[in-house]
Amino acid sequence: MHLKHSDHTHGPAEIPVKFIIEDPESITGDPEKTEIEVLAARGEHLLEIAVEHGINIEHACGAVCACSTCHVYVEQGMAAVSEPTEAEEDRVEEAPGLQINSRLSCQCEIEGEGPIVVRVPAWNRNAVKEVPH
C-alpha cells in the first residue's frame, strides 16, 4: 500500500530523527544501513518521514490506525511526538513485543524539539504483503 504525504502544513525540516533498523536488508535493501539520521519537520508523522527516506516500515492499513504493522519503539524524544490517542492505544496493544515505548509510527506526529530516536524492530513484517508483479 502506498503512503501519501500528509495534507496538513509542515514546518521546516529541523528536528533530528534517528532510525535504528534491526533488519536493514529487508527494510532498506542495504544490509549496511543499520542507522539512518534525517531532519524532519513539525507536523510530519514518523511513518511518512521513514518512507520518504527509504525506510520501508510496513503499513498495511495505509496509515489510518486500523492495524499495528507500523509498530516501532520511540527510544528517545517521546515528549517531542504527539500523545497516543485511545484508538492508537487499542491498536498498539495488538502488536507483538509491546513495550512502554511502543507506538504506531503512522500516529506519531512531531510536535516538539528533538532529538528523536526510533527503533524499527526486525520481526515487524507484514506476512500478507502484496508483492508487485
C-alpha atoms as a PDB file:
ATOM      1  CA  MET A   1       0.000   0.000   0.000  1.00  0.00           C
ATOM      2  CA  HIS A   2       1.312   3.443  -0.850  1.00  0.00           C
ATOM      3  CA  LEU A   3       1.508   6.212   1.695  1.00  0.00           C
ATOM      4  CA  LYS A   4       0.663   9.732   0.644  1.00  0.00           C
ATOM      5  CA  HIS A   5       2.289  12.715   2.262  1.00  0.00           C
ATOM      6  CA  SER A   6       0.038  14.206   4.932  1.00  0.00           C
ATOM      7  CA  ASP A   7      -2.072  17.077   3.681  1.00  0.00           C
ATOM      8  CA  HIS A   8      -1.516  19.456   6.585  1.00  0.00           C
ATOM      9  CA  THR A   9       1.173  22.129   6.789  1.00  0.00           C
ATOM     10  CA  HIS A  10       4.643  21.154   7.929  1.00  0.00           C
ATOM     11  CA  GLY A  11       7.321  23.353   9.373  1.00  0.00           C
ATOM     12  CA  PRO A  12      10.913  23.423   8.138  1.00  0.00           C
ATOM     13  CA  ALA A  13      12.919  20.196   8.384  1.00  0.00           C
ATOM     14  CA  GLU A  14      14.981  20.906  11.508  1.00  0.00           C
ATOM     15  CA  ILE A  15      14.138  18.174  14.032  1.00  0.00           C
ATOM     16  CA  PRO A  16      16.801  15.415  14.173  1.00  0.00           C
ATOM     17  CA  VAL A  17      15.352  11.916  13.926  1.00  0.00           C
ATOM     18  CA  LYS A  18      17.457   8.756  14.031  1.00  0.00           C
ATOM     19  CA  PHE A  19      16.029   5.434  12.897  1.00  0.00           C
ATOM     20  CA  ILE A  20      17.749   2.331  14.267  1.00  0.00           C
ATOM     21  CA  ILE A  21      16.939  -0.522  11.925  1.00  0.00           C
ATOM     22  CA  GLU A  22      17.222  -4.067  13.228  1.00  0.00           C
ATOM     23  CA  ASP A  23      16.742  -5.725   9.808  1.00  0.00           C
ATOM     24  CA  PRO A  24      18.245  -3.216   7.373  1.00  0.00           C
ATOM     25  CA  GLU A  25      18.358  -5.535   4.374  1.00  0.00           C
ATOM     26  CA  SER A  26      14.606  -6.151   4.286  1.00  0.00           C
ATOM     27  CA  ILE A  27      13.641  -2.631   5.379  1.00  0.00           C
ATOM     28  CA  THR A  28      16.069  -0.548   3.292  1.00  0.00           C
ATOM     29  CA  GLY A  29      17.528  -3.045   0.832  1.00  0.00           C
ATOM     30  CA  ASP A  30      21.017  -2.313   2.179  1.00  0.00           C
ATOM     31  CA  PRO A  31      22.415  -4.554   4.936  1.00  0.00           C
ATOM     32  CA  GLU A  32      24.817  -1.774   5.983  1.00  0.00           C
ATOM     33  CA  LYS A  33      22.102   0.791   6.832  1.00  0.00           C
ATOM     34  CA  THR A  34      21.567  -0.009  10.496  1.00  0.00           C
ATOM     35  CA  GLU A  35      21.069   3.654  11.407  1.00  0.00           C
ATOM     36  CA  ILE A  36      19.659   6.488   9.331  1.00  0.00           C
ATOM     37  CA  GLU A  37      19.656  10.068  10.576  1.00  0.00           C
ATOM     38  CA  VAL A  38      17.355  12.631   8.959  1.00  0.00           C
ATOM     39  CA  LEU A  39      15.870  16.051   9.614  1.00  0.00           C
ATOM     40  CA  ALA A  40      12.110  16.179   9.950  1.00  0.00           C
ATOM     41  CA  ALA A  41       9.505  18.898  10.257  1.00  0.00           C
ATOM     42  CA  ARG A  42       6.896  19.563  12.901  1.00  0.00           C
ATOM     43  CA  GLY A  43       3.594  18.158  11.722  1.00  0.00           C
ATOM     44  CA  GLU A  44       5.112  15.116   9.998  1.00  0.00           C
ATOM     45  CA  HIS A  45       4.402  11.584  11.195  1.00  0.00           C
ATOM     46  CA  LEU A  46       7.284   9.200  11.852  1.00  0.00           C
ATOM     47  CA  LEU A  47       5.964   6.801   9.204  1.00  0.00           C
ATOM     48  CA  GLU A  48       5.936   9.389   6.425  1.00  0.00           C
ATOM     49  CA  ILE A  49       9.439  10.552   7.397  1.00  0.00           C
ATOM     50  CA  ALA A  50      10.691   6.964   7.270  1.00  0.00           C
ATOM     51  CA  VAL A  51       9.092   6.155   3.912  1.00  0.00           C
ATOM     52  CA  GLU A  52      10.369   9.398   2.352  1.00  0.00           C
ATOM     53  CA  HIS A  53      13.915   8.374   3.336  1.00  0.00           C
ATOM     54  CA  GLY A  54      13.793   4.809   2.020  1.00  0.00           C
ATOM     55  CA  ILE A  55      12.896   3.119   5.311  1.00  0.00           C
ATOM     56  CA  ASN A  56      10.092   0.790   4.316  1.00  0.00           C
ATOM     57  CA  ILE A  57       8.180   0.368   7.559  1.00  0.00           C
ATOM     58  CA  GLU A  58       5.137  -1.812   6.985  1.00  0.00           C
ATOM     59  CA  HIS A  59       1.791  -0.005   6.960  1.00  0.00           C
ATOM     60  CA  ALA A  60      -0.834  -2.477   5.793  1.00  0.00           C
ATOM     61  CA  CYS A  61      -3.802  -0.208   6.547  1.00  0.00           C
ATOM     62  CA  GLY A  62      -2.403   2.805   4.692  1.00  0.00           C
ATOM     63  CA  ALA A  63      -1.656   4.736   7.900  1.00  0.00           C
ATOM     64  CA  VAL A  64      -5.221   5.064   9.148  1.00  0.00           C
ATOM     65  CA  CYS A  65      -4.680   3.425  12.558  1.00  0.00           C
ATOM     66  CA  ALA A  66      -6.521   0.242  11.597  1.00  0.00           C
ATOM     67  CA  CYS A  67      -3.662  -2.236  12.182  1.00  0.00           C
ATOM     68  CA  SER A  68      -0.385  -2.463  14.079  1.00  0.00           C
ATOM     69  CA  THR A  69       2.112  -3.254  11.319  1.00  0.00           C
ATOM     70  CA  CYS A  70       3.887   0.114  11.664  1.00  0.00           C
ATOM     71  CA  HIS A  71       4.718  -0.580  15.325  1.00  0.00           C
ATOM     72  CA  VAL A  72       8.034   0.964  16.419  1.00  0.00           C
ATOM     73  CA  TYR A  73       9.791   1.827  19.671  1.00  0.00           C
ATOM     74  CA  VAL A  74      10.409   5.503  20.443  1.00  0.00           C
ATOM     75  CA  GLU A  75      13.641   5.204  22.423  1.00  0.00           C
ATOM     76  CA  GLN A  76      14.257   8.920  22.847  1.00  0.00           C
ATOM     77  CA  GLY A  77      12.130  12.012  22.362  1.00  0.00           C
ATOM     78  CA  MET A  78       8.720  10.710  23.426  1.00  0.00           C
ATOM     79  CA  ALA A  79       7.881  14.241  24.635  1.00  0.00           C
ATOM     80  CA  ALA A  80       8.552  15.538  21.108  1.00  0.00           C
ATOM     81  CA  VAL A  81       5.787  13.472  19.500  1.00  0.00           C
ATOM     82  CA  SER A  82       2.020  13.640  19.914  1.00  0.00           C
ATOM     83  CA  GLU A  83       0.299  11.809  22.740  1.00  0.00           C
ATOM     84  CA  PRO A  84      -1.258   8.488  21.705  1.00  0.00           C
ATOM     85  CA  THR A  85      -4.988   8.558  21.077  1.00  0.00           C
ATOM     86  CA  GLU A  86      -7.311   5.940  22.505  1.00  0.00           C
ATOM     87  CA  ALA A  87      -7.566   4.377  19.033  1.00  0.00           C
ATOM     88  CA  GLU A  88      -3.777   4.076  18.791  1.00  0.00           C
ATOM     89  CA  GLU A  89      -3.518   2.590  22.276  1.00  0.00           C
ATOM     90  CA  ASP A  90      -6.135  -0.023  21.326  1.00  0.00           C
ATOM     91  CA  ARG A  91      -4.255  -0.951  18.133  1.00  0.00           C
ATOM     92  CA  VAL A  92      -0.733  -0.973  19.546  1.00  0.00           C
ATOM     93  CA  GLU A  93      -1.861  -3.439  22.224  1.00  0.00           C
ATOM     94  CA  GLU A  94      -2.346  -5.951  19.384  1.00  0.00           C
ATOM     95  CA  ALA A  95       1.294  -5.651  18.287  1.00  0.00           C
ATOM     96  CA  PRO A  96       3.829  -8.300  19.258  1.00  0.00           C
ATOM     97  CA  GLY A  97       6.668  -7.184  21.507  1.00  0.00           C
ATOM     98  CA  LEU A  98       4.639  -4.499  23.274  1.00  0.00           C
ATOM     99  CA  GLN A  99       6.763  -2.203  25.453  1.00  0.00           C
ATOM    100  CA  ILE A 100       6.148   1.005  27.368  1.00  0.00           C
ATOM    101  CA  ASN A 101       7.701   2.964  24.457  1.00  0.00           C
ATOM    102  CA  SER A 102       5.657   1.197  21.733  1.00  0.00           C
ATOM    103  CA  ARG A 103       3.945   3.476  19.242  1.00  0.00           C
ATOM    104  CA  LEU A 104       2.364   3.265  15.812  1.00  0.00           C
ATOM    105  CA  SER A 105       4.614   5.304  13.548  1.00  0.00           C
ATOM    106  CA  CYS A 106       1.620   6.442  11.476  1.00  0.00           C
ATOM    107  CA  GLN A 107       0.177   8.177  14.540  1.00  0.00           C
ATOM    108  CA  CYS A 108       3.338   9.802  15.980  1.00  0.00           C
ATOM    109  CA  GLU A 109       3.281  13.402  14.818  1.00  0.00           C
ATOM    110  CA  ILE A 110       6.292  15.541  15.602  1.00  0.00           C
ATOM    111  CA  GLU A 111       5.227  18.408  17.828  1.00  0.00           C
ATOM    112  CA  GLY A 112       8.372  19.422  19.730  1.00  0.00           C
ATOM    113  CA  GLU A 113      12.130  19.571  19.685  1.00  0.00           C
ATOM    114  CA  GLY A 114      14.253  16.500  19.145  1.00  0.00           C
ATOM    115  CA  PRO A 115      16.290  14.573  19.010  1.00  0.00           C
ATOM    116  CA  ILE A 116      14.026  11.609  18.422  1.00  0.00           C
ATOM    117  CA  VAL A 117      15.334   8.041  18.237  1.00  0.00           C
ATOM    118  CA  VAL A 118      13.107   5.339  16.758  1.00  0.00           C
ATOM    119  CA  ARG A 119      13.873   1.602  16.704  1.00  0.00           C
ATOM    120  CA  VAL A 120      12.310  -0.379  13.867  1.00  0.00           C
ATOM    121  CA  PRO A 121      12.082  -3.991  15.096  1.00  0.00           C
ATOM    122  CA  ALA A 122      13.228  -6.787  12.776  1.00  0.00           C
ATOM    123  CA  TRP A 123      10.215  -9.013  13.446  1.00  0.00           C
ATOM    124  CA  ASN A 124       7.598  -6.434  12.463  1.00  0.00           C
ATOM    125  CA  ARG A 125       6.828  -7.686   8.957  1.00  0.00           C
ATOM    126  CA  ASN A 126       3.516  -7.910   7.119  1.00  0.00           C
ATOM    127  CA  ALA A 127       3.222 -11.596   6.236  1.00  0.00           C
ATOM    128  CA  VAL A 128       0.460 -10.936   3.685  1.00  0.00           C
ATOM    129  CA  LYS A 129       2.123  -8.020   1.893  1.00  0.00           C
ATOM    130  CA  GLU A 130       1.398  -7.998  -1.813  1.00  0.00           C
ATOM    131  CA  VAL A 131       4.487  -8.130  -3.981  1.00  0.00           C
ATOM    132  CA  PRO A 132       4.316  -6.172  -7.266  1.00  0.00           C
ATOM    133  CA  HIS A 133       4.406  -8.362 -10.354  1.00  0.00           C
END
